[in-house]
Amino acid sequence: MAKLHTMLVKAALLTGGAFIGALLARWCDQLILARSTRQSDDERDRYAQGLGPLQQTRPKNDVRTL
């Protein structure tokens, strides 16, 4: 009987983890989509005004990725 309970607890934890992972993935996708949409709109507005795209400047020793 203890094996059955352990198996049910493991299944519940696995299901809960998968659900939380799916929620986090959806949230991250929405953040990325909102950022890219905002950037696209900003660039479209700049081009409409006859301006060039913005250049991101970073120090040469900065190794972070976007």
N, C-alpha and C. Protein backbone atom coordinates (compact mmCIF):
# COMPACT_ATOMS: atom_id res chain seq x y z
N MET A 1 0.81 -1.18 0.00
CA MET A 1 0.00 0.00 0.00
C MET A 1 0.86 1.26 0.00
N ALA A 2 2.03 1.19 0.66
CA ALA A 2 2.92 2.35 0.71
C ALA A 2 3.45 2.67 -0.69
N LYS A 3 3.70 1.63 -1.50
CA LYS A 3 4.18 1.86 -2.85
C LYS A 3 3.15 2.60 -3.69
N LEU A 4 1.89 2.27 -3.50
CA LEU A 4 0.82 2.93 -4.25
C LEU A 4 0.76 4.41 -3.89
N HIS A 5 0.84 4.71 -2.60
CA HIS A 5 0.80 6.10 -2.17
C HIS A 5 2.01 6.87 -2.70
N THR A 6 3.17 6.25 -2.64
CA THR A 6 4.38 6.89 -3.15
C THR A 6 4.26 7.16 -4.64
N MET A 7 3.72 6.20 -5.36
CA MET A 7 3.56 6.36 -6.80
C MET A 7 2.56 7.48 -7.10
N LEU A 8 1.49 7.58 -6.36
CA LEU A 8 0.50 8.63 -6.56
C LEU A 8 1.09 10.01 -6.24
N VAL A 9 1.87 10.09 -5.17
CA VAL A 9 2.50 11.36 -4.80
C VAL A 9 3.49 11.79 -5.89
N LYS A 10 4.28 10.85 -6.38
CA LYS A 10 5.24 11.17 -7.45
C LYS A 10 4.51 11.63 -8.71
N ALA A 11 3.43 10.97 -9.06
CA ALA A 11 2.67 11.34 -10.25
C ALA A 11 2.07 12.74 -10.08
N ALA A 12 1.56 13.04 -8.89
CA ALA A 12 0.99 14.36 -8.63
C ALA A 12 2.06 15.43 -8.71
N LEU A 13 3.23 15.17 -8.15
CA LEU A 13 4.32 16.14 -8.21
C LEU A 13 4.81 16.35 -9.64
N LEU A 14 4.91 15.28 -10.40
CA LEU A 14 5.33 15.39 -11.79
C LEU A 14 4.32 16.19 -12.61
N THR A 15 3.06 15.93 -12.39
CA THR A 15 2.01 16.66 -13.10
C THR A 15 2.02 18.14 -12.71
N GLY A 16 2.17 18.41 -11.42
CA GLY A 16 2.24 19.79 -10.96
C GLY A 16 3.44 20.52 -11.52
N GLY A 17 4.58 19.86 -11.57
CA GLY A 17 5.78 20.46 -12.13
C GLY A 17 5.63 20.76 -13.61
N ALA A 18 5.00 19.85 -14.33
CA ALA A 18 4.77 20.07 -15.76
C ALA A 18 3.83 21.25 -15.98
N PHE A 19 2.81 21.36 -15.15
CA PHE A 19 1.86 22.47 -15.25
C PHE A 19 2.54 23.80 -14.96
N ILE A 20 3.32 23.86 -13.91
CA ILE A 20 4.04 25.09 -13.56
C ILE A 20 5.05 25.44 -14.66
N GLY A 21 5.73 24.45 -15.20
CA GLY A 21 6.67 24.69 -16.29
C GLY A 21 5.98 25.25 -17.52
N ALA A 22 4.80 24.74 -17.83
CA ALA A 22 4.05 25.24 -18.98
C ALA A 22 3.61 26.69 -18.74
N LEU A 23 3.19 27.01 -17.53
CA LEU A 23 2.80 28.38 -17.21
C LEU A 23 3.99 29.33 -17.32
N LEU A 24 5.14 28.92 -16.81
CA LEU A 24 6.33 29.75 -16.90
C LEU A 24 6.76 29.95 -18.35
N ALA A 25 6.70 28.91 -19.15
CA ALA A 25 7.07 29.02 -20.56
C ALA A 25 6.13 29.97 -21.29
N ARG A 26 4.84 29.90 -21.01
CA ARG A 26 3.88 30.79 -21.65
C ARG A 26 4.14 32.23 -21.24
N TRP A 27 4.42 32.46 -19.95
CA TRP A 27 4.69 33.80 -19.45
C TRP A 27 5.94 34.38 -20.13
N CYS A 28 6.99 33.57 -20.25
CA CYS A 28 8.22 34.03 -20.91
C CYS A 28 7.96 34.33 -22.38
N ASP A 29 7.20 33.51 -23.05
CA ASP A 29 6.87 33.76 -24.46
C ASP A 29 6.10 35.07 -24.62
N GLN A 30 5.19 35.35 -23.70
CA GLN A 30 4.43 36.60 -23.78
C GLN A 30 5.34 37.80 -23.54
N LEU A 31 6.29 37.69 -22.62
CA LEU A 31 7.23 38.78 -22.38
C LEU A 31 8.09 39.04 -23.61
N ILE A 32 8.59 37.99 -24.23
CA ILE A 32 9.43 38.13 -25.41
C ILE A 32 8.62 38.72 -26.56
N LEU A 33 7.39 38.26 -26.74
CA LEU A 33 6.53 38.77 -27.81
C LEU A 33 6.22 40.25 -27.59
N ALA A 34 5.92 40.63 -26.36
CA ALA A 34 5.61 42.04 -26.07
C ALA A 34 6.83 42.92 -26.34
N ARG A 35 8.00 42.45 -25.95
CA ARG A 35 9.22 43.23 -26.17
C ARG A 35 9.51 43.38 -27.67
N SER A 36 9.39 42.31 -28.41
CA SER A 36 9.69 42.38 -29.84
C SER A 36 8.65 43.22 -30.58
N THR A 37 7.40 43.15 -30.16
CA THR A 37 6.35 43.97 -30.78
C THR A 37 6.61 45.45 -30.51
N ARG A 38 6.97 45.77 -29.27
CA ARG A 38 7.26 47.16 -28.93
C ARG A 38 8.46 47.67 -29.72
N GLN A 39 9.50 46.85 -29.83
CA GLN A 39 10.68 47.25 -30.57
C GLN A 39 10.35 47.44 -32.05
N SER A 40 9.55 46.56 -32.61
CA SER A 40 9.15 46.67 -34.02
C SER A 40 8.35 47.95 -34.25
N ASP A 41 7.43 48.25 -33.34
CA ASP A 41 6.64 49.47 -33.47
C ASP A 41 7.53 50.71 -33.38
N ASP A 42 8.48 50.69 -32.46
CA ASP A 42 9.40 51.83 -32.32
C ASP A 42 10.23 52.02 -33.58
N GLU A 43 10.73 50.92 -34.15
CA GLU A 43 11.52 51.03 -35.37
C GLU A 43 10.67 51.50 -36.54
N ARG A 44 9.43 51.05 -36.64
CA ARG A 44 8.53 51.49 -37.70
C ARG A 44 8.29 53.00 -37.59
N ASP A 45 8.10 53.48 -36.36
CA ASP A 45 7.91 54.91 -36.16
C ASP A 45 9.15 55.70 -36.55
N ARG A 46 10.32 55.19 -36.21
CA ARG A 46 11.56 55.87 -36.57
C ARG A 46 11.73 55.94 -38.09
N TYR A 47 11.46 54.83 -38.77
CA TYR A 47 11.58 54.82 -40.24
C TYR A 47 10.57 55.78 -40.87
N ALA A 48 9.37 55.86 -40.30
CA ALA A 48 8.36 56.78 -40.82
C ALA A 48 8.82 58.23 -40.69
N GLN A 49 9.63 58.51 -39.67
CA GLN A 49 10.15 59.86 -39.48
C GLN A 49 11.42 60.10 -40.29
N GLY A 50 11.90 59.08 -40.99
CA GLY A 50 13.11 59.22 -41.79
C GLY A 50 14.39 59.00 -41.01
N LEU A 51 14.28 58.43 -39.82
CA LEU A 51 15.44 58.17 -38.98
C LEU A 51 15.91 56.73 -39.18
N GLY A 52 17.16 56.48 -38.89
CA GLY A 52 17.70 55.13 -38.99
C GLY A 52 17.41 54.32 -37.74
N PRO A 53 17.74 53.04 -37.77
CA PRO A 53 17.51 52.20 -36.59
C PRO A 53 18.44 52.59 -35.45
N LEU A 54 18.00 52.32 -34.25
CA LEU A 54 18.82 52.59 -33.08
C LEU A 54 19.93 51.55 -32.99
N GLN A 55 21.10 51.98 -32.65
CA GLN A 55 22.23 51.07 -32.46
C GLN A 55 22.43 50.86 -30.97
N GLN A 56 22.47 49.62 -30.55
CA GLN A 56 22.73 49.33 -29.14
C GLN A 56 24.23 49.42 -28.91
N THR A 57 24.60 50.18 -27.92
CA THR A 57 26.02 50.33 -27.61
C THR A 57 26.31 49.66 -26.29
N ARG A 58 27.39 48.93 -26.28
CA ARG A 58 27.85 48.24 -25.07
C ARG A 58 29.35 48.37 -24.99
N PRO A 59 29.85 48.35 -23.79
CA PRO A 59 31.30 48.32 -23.66
C PRO A 59 31.86 47.04 -24.29
N LYS A 60 33.06 47.09 -24.81
CA LYS A 60 33.65 45.94 -25.49
C LYS A 60 33.84 44.75 -24.55
N ASN A 61 34.00 45.00 -23.27
CA ASN A 61 34.25 43.90 -22.33
C ASN A 61 32.96 43.32 -21.76
N ASP A 62 31.79 43.80 -22.18
CA ASP A 62 30.51 43.29 -21.71
C ASP A 62 30.16 42.06 -22.54
N VAL A 63 30.04 40.90 -21.89
CA VAL A 63 29.82 39.64 -22.60
C VAL A 63 28.41 39.12 -22.44
N ARG A 64 27.50 39.94 -21.89
CA ARG A 64 26.12 39.49 -21.72
C ARG A 64 25.45 39.30 -23.07
N THR A 65 24.48 38.40 -23.11
CA THR A 65 23.68 38.20 -24.32
C THR A 65 22.30 38.75 -24.09
N LEU A 66 21.58 39.03 -25.17
CA LEU A 66 20.23 39.57 -25.04
C LEU A 66 19.27 38.52 -24.62
